[in-house]
Amino acid sequence: MPGENAPHREEAAQVPDPGTLLVDTSRRDQVGEFRGVAGPYWSLRPVRGGMEWEAEPGKVRAPSPMERLRAEIARCNARSEGRIL
Protein backbone atom coordinates (compact mmCIF):
# COMPACT_ATOMS: atom_id res chain seq x y z
CA MET A 1 0.00 0.00 0.00
CA PRO A 2 1.25 3.50 -0.70
CA GLY A 3 2.68 5.28 2.31
CA GLU A 4 3.19 2.15 4.42
CA ASN A 5 6.93 2.67 4.59
CA ALA A 6 6.78 6.45 4.71
CA PRO A 7 8.44 7.98 7.79
CA HIS A 8 6.02 9.08 10.47
CA ARG A 9 5.86 12.78 11.22
CA GLU A 10 6.21 13.80 14.83
CA GLU A 11 2.86 14.65 16.28
CA ALA A 12 2.32 18.26 17.25
CA ALA A 13 2.20 18.94 20.96
CA GLN A 14 -1.35 18.75 22.27
CA VAL A 15 -2.68 22.19 23.11
CA PRO A 16 -3.51 22.41 26.82
CA ASP A 17 -6.64 23.93 28.30
CA PRO A 18 -6.49 27.64 29.22
CA GLY A 19 -5.26 28.08 32.78
CA THR A 20 -3.05 24.97 32.72
CA LEU A 21 0.25 25.49 34.51
CA LEU A 22 3.32 24.83 32.36
CA VAL A 23 7.09 25.24 32.72
CA ASP A 24 9.01 27.08 29.98
CA THR A 25 12.44 25.44 29.94
CA SER A 26 13.85 28.20 27.70
CA ARG A 27 13.19 30.76 30.47
CA ARG A 28 15.07 29.11 33.32
CA ASP A 29 12.11 26.85 34.10
CA GLN A 30 9.66 29.69 34.63
CA VAL A 31 6.15 28.50 35.47
CA GLY A 32 3.33 30.15 33.56
CA GLU A 33 -0.36 29.78 32.97
CA PHE A 34 -1.36 28.76 29.45
CA ARG A 35 -3.43 31.49 27.79
CA GLY A 36 -3.71 30.41 24.16
CA VAL A 37 -1.99 29.85 20.83
CA ALA A 38 -0.21 32.67 18.99
CA GLY A 39 0.89 31.35 15.60
CA PRO A 40 3.48 28.63 16.21
CA TYR A 41 3.90 29.68 19.86
CA TRP A 42 1.97 29.24 23.08
CA SER A 43 1.15 32.29 25.18
CA LEU A 44 1.98 31.93 28.86
CA ARG A 45 1.38 34.40 31.68
CA PRO A 46 3.27 34.55 34.97
CA VAL A 47 1.22 33.08 37.80
CA ARG A 48 1.80 36.25 39.84
CA GLY A 49 0.39 38.39 37.05
CA GLY A 50 2.26 40.43 34.50
CA MET A 51 3.12 40.41 30.83
CA GLU A 52 2.46 37.31 28.76
CA TRP A 53 5.29 35.74 26.81
CA GLU A 54 5.47 33.36 23.90
CA ALA A 55 6.97 29.90 24.35
CA GLU A 56 7.91 27.25 21.84
CA PRO A 57 5.66 24.22 22.49
CA GLY A 58 8.69 21.89 22.26
CA LYS A 59 10.34 23.72 25.17
CA VAL A 60 7.36 23.52 27.52
CA ARG A 61 6.71 20.75 30.02
CA ALA A 62 4.32 19.92 32.82
CA PRO A 63 5.39 21.17 36.25
CA SER A 64 6.63 18.85 38.96
CA PRO A 65 4.46 18.60 42.08
CA MET A 66 6.80 21.02 43.90
CA GLU A 67 6.76 23.53 41.01
CA ARG A 68 2.97 23.32 40.91
CA LEU A 69 2.71 23.93 44.67
CA ARG A 70 5.06 26.94 44.51
CA ALA A 71 3.10 28.40 41.60
CA GLU A 72 -0.24 27.94 43.38
CA ILE A 73 1.12 29.64 46.51
CA ALA A 74 2.53 32.51 44.43
CA ARG A 75 -0.86 32.91 42.73
CA CYS A 76 -2.68 32.96 46.08
CA ASN A 77 -0.26 35.53 47.50
CA ALA A 78 -0.62 37.77 44.43
CA ARG A 79 -4.41 37.52 44.67
CA SER A 80 -4.41 38.40 48.38
CA GLU A 81 -2.19 41.44 47.64
CA GLY A 82 -4.56 42.59 44.89
CA ARG A 83 -2.02 42.16 42.06
CA ILE A 84 -4.33 39.75 40.18
CA LEU A 85 -8.03 38.96 40.28
PDB file of N, CA and C in Angstrom:
ATOM      1  N   MET A   1       0.837  -1.179   0.000  1.00  0.00           N
ATOM      2  CA  MET A   1       0.000   0.000   0.000  1.00  0.00           C
ATOM      3  C   MET A   1       0.885   1.246   0.000  1.00  0.00           C
ATOM      4  N   PRO A   2       0.455   2.284  -0.676  1.00  0.00           N
ATOM      5  CA  PRO A   2       1.248   3.503  -0.695  1.00  0.00           C
ATOM      6  C   PRO A   2       1.316   4.123   0.697  1.00  0.00           C
ATOM      7  N   GLY A   3       2.516   4.593   1.033  1.00  0.00           N
ATOM      8  CA  GLY A   3       2.676   5.284   2.305  1.00  0.00           C
ATOM      9  C   GLY A   3       2.964   4.388   3.480  1.00  0.00           C
ATOM     10  N   GLU A   4       2.945   3.043   3.279  1.00  0.00           N
ATOM     11  CA  GLU A   4       3.187   2.155   4.415  1.00  0.00           C
ATOM     12  C   GLU A   4       4.581   2.324   4.989  1.00  0.00           C
ATOM     13  N   ASN A   5       5.567   2.536   4.128  1.00  0.00           N
ATOM     14  CA  ASN A   5       6.934   2.669   4.587  1.00  0.00           C
ATOM     15  C   ASN A   5       7.371   4.120   4.728  1.00  0.00           C
ATOM     16  N   ALA A   6       6.441   5.037   4.580  1.00  0.00           N
ATOM     17  CA  ALA A   6       6.776   6.454   4.711  1.00  0.00           C
ATOM     18  C   ALA A   6       7.111   6.761   6.167  1.00  0.00           C
ATOM     19  N   PRO A   7       8.110   7.625   6.403  1.00  0.00           N
ATOM     20  CA  PRO A   7       8.437   7.975   7.791  1.00  0.00           C
ATOM     21  C   PRO A   7       7.267   8.698   8.453  1.00  0.00           C
ATOM     22  N   HIS A   8       7.096   8.435   9.716  1.00  0.00           N
ATOM     23  CA  HIS A   8       6.016   9.081  10.472  1.00  0.00           C
ATOM     24  C   HIS A   8       6.461  10.475  10.886  1.00  0.00           C
ATOM     25  N   ARG A   9       5.575  11.433  10.736  1.00  0.00           N
ATOM     26  CA  ARG A   9       5.864  12.785  11.216  1.00  0.00           C
ATOM     27  C   ARG A   9       5.637  12.817  12.718  1.00  0.00           C
ATOM     28  N   GLU A  10       6.441  13.639  13.394  1.00  0.00           N
ATOM     29  CA  GLU A  10       6.206  13.802  14.831  1.00  0.00           C
ATOM     30  C   GLU A  10       4.874  14.498  15.016  1.00  0.00           C
ATOM     31  N   GLU A  11       4.144  14.029  16.001  1.00  0.00           N
ATOM     32  CA  GLU A  11       2.856  14.646  16.280  1.00  0.00           C
ATOM     33  C   GLU A  11       3.072  15.992  16.961  1.00  0.00           C
ATOM     34  N   ALA A  12       2.242  16.944  16.618  1.00  0.00           N
ATOM     35  CA  ALA A  12       2.322  18.257  17.252  1.00  0.00           C
ATOM     36  C   ALA A  12       1.927  18.123  18.714  1.00  0.00           C
ATOM     37  N   ALA A  13       2.525  18.954  19.542  1.00  0.00           N
ATOM     38  CA  ALA A  13       2.198  18.937  20.962  1.00  0.00           C
ATOM     39  C   ALA A  13       0.712  19.257  21.138  1.00  0.00           C
ATOM     40  N   GLN A  14       0.069  18.530  22.013  1.00  0.00           N
ATOM     41  CA  GLN A  14      -1.355  18.748  22.267  1.00  0.00           C
ATOM     42  C   GLN A  14      -1.534  20.069  22.999  1.00  0.00           C
ATOM     43  N   VAL A  15      -2.427  20.884  22.510  1.00  0.00           N
ATOM     44  CA  VAL A  15      -2.678  22.193  23.106  1.00  0.00           C
ATOM     45  C   VAL A  15      -3.413  22.001  24.433  1.00  0.00           C
ATOM     46  N   PRO A  16      -2.861  22.552  25.513  1.00  0.00           N
ATOM     47  CA  PRO A  16      -3.508  22.410  26.824  1.00  0.00           C
ATOM     48  C   PRO A  16      -4.729  23.319  26.964  1.00  0.00           C
ATOM     49  N   ASP A  17      -5.500  23.077  27.993  1.00  0.00           N
ATOM     50  CA  ASP A  17      -6.644  23.930  28.301  1.00  0.00           C
ATOM     51  C   ASP A  17      -6.149  25.257  28.875  1.00  0.00           C
ATOM     52  N   PRO A  18      -6.874  26.356  28.615  1.00  0.00           N
ATOM     53  CA  PRO A  18      -6.494  27.637  29.220  1.00  0.00           C
ATOM     54  C   PRO A  18      -6.450  27.511  30.746  1.00  0.00           C
ATOM     55  N   GLY A  19      -5.434  28.127  31.330  1.00  0.00           N
ATOM     56  CA  GLY A  19      -5.258  28.078  32.784  1.00  0.00           C
ATOM     57  C   GLY A  19      -4.325  26.978  33.257  1.00  0.00           C
ATOM     58  N   THR A  20      -3.954  26.060  32.361  1.00  0.00           N
ATOM     59  CA  THR A  20      -3.047  24.972  32.715  1.00  0.00           C
ATOM     60  C   THR A  20      -1.674  25.531  33.056  1.00  0.00           C
ATOM     61  N   LEU A  21      -1.092  25.074  34.142  1.00  0.00           N
ATOM     62  CA  LEU A  21       0.253  25.491  34.513  1.00  0.00           C
ATOM     63  C   LEU A  21       1.276  24.709  33.706  1.00  0.00           C
ATOM     64  N   LEU A  22       2.266  25.434  33.166  1.00  0.00           N
ATOM     65  CA  LEU A  22       3.324  24.833  32.360  1.00  0.00           C
ATOM     66  C   LEU A  22       4.658  25.455  32.739  1.00  0.00           C
ATOM     67  N   VAL A  23       5.735  24.751  32.459  1.00  0.00           N
ATOM     68  CA  VAL A  23       7.086  25.245  32.721  1.00  0.00           C
ATOM     69  C   VAL A  23       7.765  25.501  31.382  1.00  0.00           C
ATOM     70  N   ASP A  24       8.276  26.717  31.197  1.00  0.00           N
ATOM     71  CA  ASP A  24       9.010  27.075  29.983  1.00  0.00           C
ATOM     72  C   ASP A  24      10.495  26.844  30.262  1.00  0.00           C
ATOM     73  N   THR A  25      11.047  25.796  29.679  1.00  0.00           N
ATOM     74  CA  THR A  25      12.443  25.441  29.938  1.00  0.00           C
ATOM     75  C   THR A  25      13.416  26.422  29.297  1.00  0.00           C
ATOM     76  N   SER A  26      12.969  27.209  28.330  1.00  0.00           N
ATOM     77  CA  SER A  26      13.854  28.195  27.703  1.00  0.00           C
ATOM     78  C   SER A  26      13.958  29.473  28.534  1.00  0.00           C
ATOM     79  N   ARG A  27      13.162  29.579  29.591  1.00  0.00           N
ATOM     80  CA  ARG A  27      13.187  30.757  30.472  1.00  0.00           C
ATOM     81  C   ARG A  27      13.549  30.353  31.890  1.00  0.00           C
ATOM     82  N   ARG A  28      14.591  29.551  32.012  1.00  0.00           N
ATOM     83  CA  ARG A  28      15.075  29.110  33.318  1.00  0.00           C
ATOM     84  C   ARG A  28      13.967  28.447  34.137  1.00  0.00           C
ATOM     85  N   ASP A  29      13.187  27.607  33.473  1.00  0.00           N
ATOM     86  CA  ASP A  29      12.110  26.846  34.101  1.00  0.00           C
ATOM     87  C   ASP A  29      11.055  27.721  34.762  1.00  0.00           C
ATOM     88  N   GLN A  30      10.703  28.812  34.113  1.00  0.00           N
ATOM     89  CA  GLN A  30       9.656  29.690  34.634  1.00  0.00           C
ATOM     90  C   GLN A  30       8.294  29.037  34.457  1.00  0.00           C
ATOM     91  N   VAL A  31       7.504  29.067  35.502  1.00  0.00           N
ATOM     92  CA  VAL A  31       6.152  28.502  35.467  1.00  0.00           C
ATOM     93  C   VAL A  31       5.194  29.586  34.992  1.00  0.00           C
ATOM     94  N   GLY A  32       4.325  29.217  34.065  1.00  0.00           N
ATOM     95  CA  GLY A  32       3.332  30.148  33.556  1.00  0.00           C
ATOM     96  C   GLY A  32       2.002  29.455  33.347  1.00  0.00           C
ATOM     97  N   GLU A  33       0.995  30.268  33.213  1.00  0.00           N
ATOM     98  CA  GLU A  33      -0.363  29.776  32.971  1.00  0.00           C
ATOM     99  C   GLU A  33      -0.636  29.871  31.473  1.00  0.00           C
ATOM    100  N   PHE A  34      -1.065  28.770  30.883  1.00  0.00           N
ATOM    101  CA  PHE A  34      -1.360  28.758  29.450  1.00  0.00           C
ATOM    102  C   PHE A  34      -2.543  29.664  29.161  1.00  0.00           C
ATOM    103  N   ARG A  35      -2.376  30.547  28.153  1.00  0.00           N
ATOM    104  CA  ARG A  35      -3.434  31.489  27.795  1.00  0.00           C
ATOM    105  C   ARG A  35      -4.013  31.225  26.409  1.00  0.00           C
ATOM    106  N   GLY A  36      -3.205  30.672  25.495  1.00  0.00           N
ATOM    107  CA  GLY A  36      -3.707  30.413  24.155  1.00  0.00           C
ATOM    108  C   GLY A  36      -2.571  30.222  23.168  1.00  0.00           C
ATOM    109  N   VAL A  37      -2.947  30.081  21.902  1.00  0.00           N
ATOM    110  CA  VAL A  37      -1.986  29.849  20.832  1.00  0.00           C
ATOM    111  C   VAL A  37      -1.805  31.149  20.058  1.00  0.00           C
ATOM    112  N   ALA A  38      -0.540  31.475  19.770  1.00  0.00           N
ATOM    113  CA  ALA A  38      -0.208  32.667  18.987  1.00  0.00           C
ATOM    114  C   ALA A  38       0.703  32.230  17.848  1.00  0.00           C
ATOM    115  N   GLY A  39       0.116  31.873  16.728  1.00  0.00           N
ATOM    116  CA  GLY A  39       0.894  31.354  15.605  1.00  0.00           C
ATOM    117  C   GLY A  39       1.519  30.024  15.999  1.00  0.00           C
ATOM    118  N   PRO A  40       2.834  29.886  15.840  1.00  0.00           N
ATOM    119  CA  PRO A  40       3.484  28.626  16.213  1.00  0.00           C
ATOM    120  C   PRO A  40       3.840  28.556  17.704  1.00  0.00           C
ATOM    121  N   TYR A  41       3.516  29.600  18.449  1.00  0.00           N
ATOM    122  CA  TYR A  41       3.900  29.681  19.858  1.00  0.00           C
ATOM    123  C   TYR A  41       2.691  29.539  20.782  1.00  0.00           C
ATOM    124  N   TRP A  42       2.992  29.246  22.038  1.00  0.00           N
ATOM    125  CA  TRP A  42       1.966  29.235  23.077  1.00  0.00           C
ATOM    126  C   TRP A  42       2.169  30.458  23.939  1.00  0.00           C
ATOM    127  N   SER A  43       1.085  31.128  24.298  1.00  0.00           N
ATOM    128  CA  SER A  43       1.151  32.287  25.178  1.00  0.00           C
ATOM    129  C   SER A  43       1.025  31.821  26.625  1.00  0.00           C
ATOM    130  N   LEU A  44       1.988  32.241  27.428  1.00  0.00           N
ATOM    131  CA  LEU A  44       1.984  31.930  28.857  1.00  0.00           C
ATOM    132  C   LEU A  44       2.005  33.241  29.631  1.00  0.00           C
ATOM    133  N   ARG A  45       1.423  33.215  30.825  1.00  0.00           N
ATOM    134  CA  ARG A  45       1.384  34.399  31.681  1.00  0.00           C
ATOM    135  C   ARG A  45       1.944  34.019  33.036  1.00  0.00           C
ATOM    136  N   PRO A  46       2.766  34.867  33.634  1.00  0.00           N
ATOM    137  CA  PRO A  46       3.274  34.550  34.973  1.00  0.00           C
ATOM    138  C   PRO A  46       2.129  34.321  35.954  1.00  0.00           C
ATOM    139  N   VAL A  47       2.292  33.382  36.857  1.00  0.00           N
ATOM    140  CA  VAL A  47       1.216  33.079  37.798  1.00  0.00           C
ATOM    141  C   VAL A  47       0.975  34.229  38.772  1.00  0.00           C
ATOM    142  N   ARG A  48       1.958  35.092  38.949  1.00  0.00           N
ATOM    143  CA  ARG A  48       1.801  36.251  39.842  1.00  0.00           C
ATOM    144  C   ARG A  48       1.219  37.455  39.126  1.00  0.00           C
ATOM    145  N   GLY A  49       0.877  37.286  37.848  1.00  0.00           N
ATOM    146  CA  GLY A  49       0.388  38.392  37.045  1.00  0.00           C
ATOM    147  C   GLY A  49       1.541  39.012  36.281  1.00  0.00           C
ATOM    148  N   GLY A  50       1.223  39.777  35.283  1.00  0.00           N
ATOM    149  CA  GLY A  50       2.257  40.433  34.497  1.00  0.00           C
ATOM    150  C   GLY A  50       2.098  40.162  33.015  1.00  0.00           C
ATOM    151  N   MET A  51       3.139  40.512  32.282  1.00  0.00           N
ATOM    152  CA  MET A  51       3.117  40.409  30.830  1.00  0.00           C
ATOM    153  C   MET A  51       3.213  38.959  30.364  1.00  0.00           C
ATOM    154  N   GLU A  52       2.389  38.630  29.379  1.00  0.00           N
ATOM    155  CA  GLU A  52       2.463  37.308  28.758  1.00  0.00           C
ATOM    156  C   GLU A  52       3.735  37.203  27.947  1.00  0.00           C
ATOM    157  N   TRP A  53       4.171  35.980  27.715  1.00  0.00           N
ATOM    158  CA  TRP A  53       5.285  35.743  26.809  1.00  0.00           C
ATOM    159  C   TRP A  53       4.944  34.567  25.920  1.00  0.00           C
ATOM    160  N   GLU A  54       5.692  34.450  24.844  1.00  0.00           N
ATOM    161  CA  GLU A  54       5.465  33.359  23.900  1.00  0.00           C
ATOM    162  C   GLU A  54       6.525  32.286  24.109  1.00  0.00           C
ATOM    163  N   ALA A  55       6.082  31.039  24.136  1.00  0.00           N
ATOM    164  CA  ALA A  55       6.973  29.903  24.354  1.00  0.00           C
ATOM    165  C   ALA A  55       6.832  28.925  23.194  1.00  0.00           C
ATOM    166  N   GLU A  56       7.943  28.295  22.855  1.00  0.00           N
ATOM    167  CA  GLU A  56       7.906  27.248  21.844  1.00  0.00           C
ATOM    168  C   GLU A  56       7.315  25.997  22.493  1.00  0.00           C
ATOM    169  N   PRO A  57       6.292  25.398  21.888  1.00  0.00           N
ATOM    170  CA  PRO A  57       5.661  24.216  22.487  1.00  0.00           C
ATOM    171  C   PRO A  57       6.644  23.090  22.808  1.00  0.00           C
ATOM    172  N   GLY A  58       7.711  22.938  22.020  1.00  0.00           N
ATOM    173  CA  GLY A  58       8.689  21.891  22.264  1.00  0.00           C
ATOM    174  C   GLY A  58       9.578  22.146  23.465  1.00  0.00           C
ATOM    175  N   LYS A  59       9.515  23.364  24.013  1.00  0.00           N
ATOM    176  CA  LYS A  59      10.337  23.721  25.168  1.00  0.00           C
ATOM    177  C   LYS A  59       9.486  23.947  26.412  1.00  0.00           C
ATOM    178  N   VAL A  60       8.305  23.384  26.401  1.00  0.00           N
ATOM    179  CA  VAL A  60       7.364  23.517  27.516  1.00  0.00           C
ATOM    180  C   VAL A  60       7.082  22.126  28.066  1.00  0.00           C
ATOM    181  N   ARG A  61       7.008  22.027  29.373  1.00  0.00           N
ATOM    182  CA  ARG A  61       6.712  20.747  30.017  1.00  0.00           C
ATOM    183  C   ARG A  61       5.744  20.963  31.169  1.00  0.00           C
ATOM    184  N   ALA A  62       5.206  19.866  31.649  1.00  0.00           N
ATOM    185  CA  ALA A  62       4.323  19.916  32.819  1.00  0.00           C
ATOM    186  C   ALA A  62       5.169  20.188  34.063  1.00  0.00           C
ATOM    187  N   PRO A  63       4.634  20.908  35.032  1.00  0.00           N
ATOM    188  CA  PRO A  63       5.393  21.175  36.255  1.00  0.00           C
ATOM    189  C   PRO A  63       5.458  19.947  37.158  1.00  0.00           C
ATOM    190  N   SER A  64       6.534  19.888  37.938  1.00  0.00           N
ATOM    191  CA  SER A  64       6.635  18.846  38.962  1.00  0.00           C
ATOM    192  C   SER A  64       5.645  19.195  40.074  1.00  0.00           C
ATOM    193  N   PRO A  65       5.358  18.269  40.967  1.00  0.00           N
ATOM    194  CA  PRO A  65       4.457  18.596  42.080  1.00  0.00           C
ATOM    195  C   PRO A  65       4.954  19.797  42.899  1.00  0.00           C
ATOM    196  N   MET A  66       6.263  19.900  43.126  1.00  0.00           N
ATOM    197  CA  MET A  66       6.798  21.025  43.901  1.00  0.00           C
ATOM    198  C   MET A  66       6.664  22.337  43.129  1.00  0.00           C
ATOM    199  N   GLU A  67       6.923  22.320  41.821  1.00  0.00           N
ATOM    200  CA  GLU A  67       6.760  23.527  41.011  1.00  0.00           C
ATOM    201  C   GLU A  67       5.303  23.963  40.985  1.00  0.00           C
ATOM    202  N   ARG A  68       4.401  23.010  40.901  1.00  0.00           N
ATOM    203  CA  ARG A  68       2.967  23.321  40.906  1.00  0.00           C
ATOM    204  C   ARG A  68       2.565  23.958  42.239  1.00  0.00           C
ATOM    205  N   LEU A  69       3.033  23.398  43.350  1.00  0.00           N
ATOM    206  CA  LEU A  69       2.705  23.934  44.666  1.00  0.00           C
ATOM    207  C   LEU A  69       3.235  25.357  44.817  1.00  0.00           C
ATOM    208  N   ARG A  70       4.483  25.586  44.422  1.00  0.00           N
ATOM    209  CA  ARG A  70       5.061  26.935  44.510  1.00  0.00           C
ATOM    210  C   ARG A  70       4.263  27.929  43.673  1.00  0.00           C
ATOM    211  N   ALA A  71       3.867  27.522  42.484  1.00  0.00           N
ATOM    212  CA  ALA A  71       3.098  28.401  41.600  1.00  0.00           C
ATOM    213  C   ALA A  71       1.728  28.717  42.194  1.00  0.00           C
ATOM    214  N   GLU A  72       1.080  27.715  42.766  1.00  0.00           N
ATOM    215  CA  GLU A  72      -0.237  27.942  43.377  1.00  0.00           C
ATOM    216  C   GLU A  72      -0.125  28.893  44.570  1.00  0.00           C
ATOM    217  N   ILE A  73       0.918  28.739  45.367  1.00  0.00           N
ATOM    218  CA  ILE A  73       1.124  29.638  46.507  1.00  0.00           C
ATOM    219  C   ILE A  73       1.400  31.050  46.016  1.00  0.00           C
ATOM    220  N   ALA A  74       2.238  31.186  44.984  1.00  0.00           N
ATOM    221  CA  ALA A  74       2.533  32.505  44.428  1.00  0.00           C
ATOM    222  C   ALA A  74       1.260  33.167  43.901  1.00  0.00           C
ATOM    223  N   ARG A  75       0.403  32.375  43.250  1.00  0.00           N
ATOM    224  CA  ARG A  75      -0.864  32.909  42.725  1.00  0.00           C
ATOM    225  C   ARG A  75      -1.763  33.372  43.871  1.00  0.00           C
ATOM    226  N   CYS A  76      -1.856  32.586  44.924  1.00  0.00           N
ATOM    227  CA  CYS A  76      -2.680  32.958  46.084  1.00  0.00           C
ATOM    228  C   CYS A  76      -2.153  34.231  46.750  1.00  0.00           C
ATOM    229  N   ASN A  77      -0.845  34.338  46.897  1.00  0.00           N
ATOM    230  CA  ASN A  77      -0.256  35.530  47.497  1.00  0.00           C
ATOM    231  C   ASN A  77      -0.527  36.763  46.638  1.00  0.00           C
ATOM    232  N   ALA A  78      -0.367  36.638  45.324  1.00  0.00           N
ATOM    233  CA  ALA A  78      -0.624  37.769  44.429  1.00  0.00           C
ATOM    234  C   ALA A  78      -2.090  38.182  44.493  1.00  0.00           C
ATOM    235  N   ARG A  79      -2.973  37.212  44.581  1.00  0.00           N
ATOM    236  CA  ARG A  79      -4.407  37.520  44.666  1.00  0.00           C
ATOM    237  C   ARG A  79      -4.719  38.239  45.983  1.00  0.00           C
ATOM    238  N   SER A  80      -4.129  37.782  47.082  1.00  0.00           N
ATOM    239  CA  SER A  80      -4.407  38.404  48.376  1.00  0.00           C
ATOM    240  C   SER A  80      -3.833  39.820  48.457  1.00  0.00           C
ATOM    241  N   GLU A  81      -2.784  40.103  47.669  1.00  0.00           N
ATOM    242  CA  GLU A  81      -2.192  41.439  47.637  1.00  0.00           C
ATOM    243  C   GLU A  81      -2.853  42.342  46.610  1.00  0.00           C
ATOM    244  N   GLY A  82      -3.826  41.804  45.871  1.00  0.00           N
ATOM    245  CA  GLY A  82      -4.561  42.591  44.888  1.00  0.00           C
ATOM    246  C   GLY A  82      -3.835  42.797  43.572  1.00  0.00           C
ATOM    247  N   ARG A  83      -2.763  42.014  43.321  1.00  0.00           N
ATOM    248  CA  ARG A  83      -2.024  42.159  42.062  1.00  0.00           C
ATOM    249  C   ARG A  83      -2.712  41.452  40.914  1.00  0.00           C
ATOM    250  N   ILE A  84      -3.534  40.448  41.197  1.00  0.00           N
ATOM    251  CA  ILE A  84      -4.326  39.753  40.182  1.00  0.00           C
ATOM    252  C   ILE A  84      -5.712  39.517  40.736  1.00  0.00           C
ATOM    253  N   LEU A  85      -6.647  39.249  39.854  1.00  0.00           N
ATOM    254  CA  LEU A  85      -8.029  38.963  40.277  1.00  0.00           C
ATOM    255  C   LEU A  85      -8.255  37.492  40.433  1.00  0.00           C
TER     256      LEU A  85
END
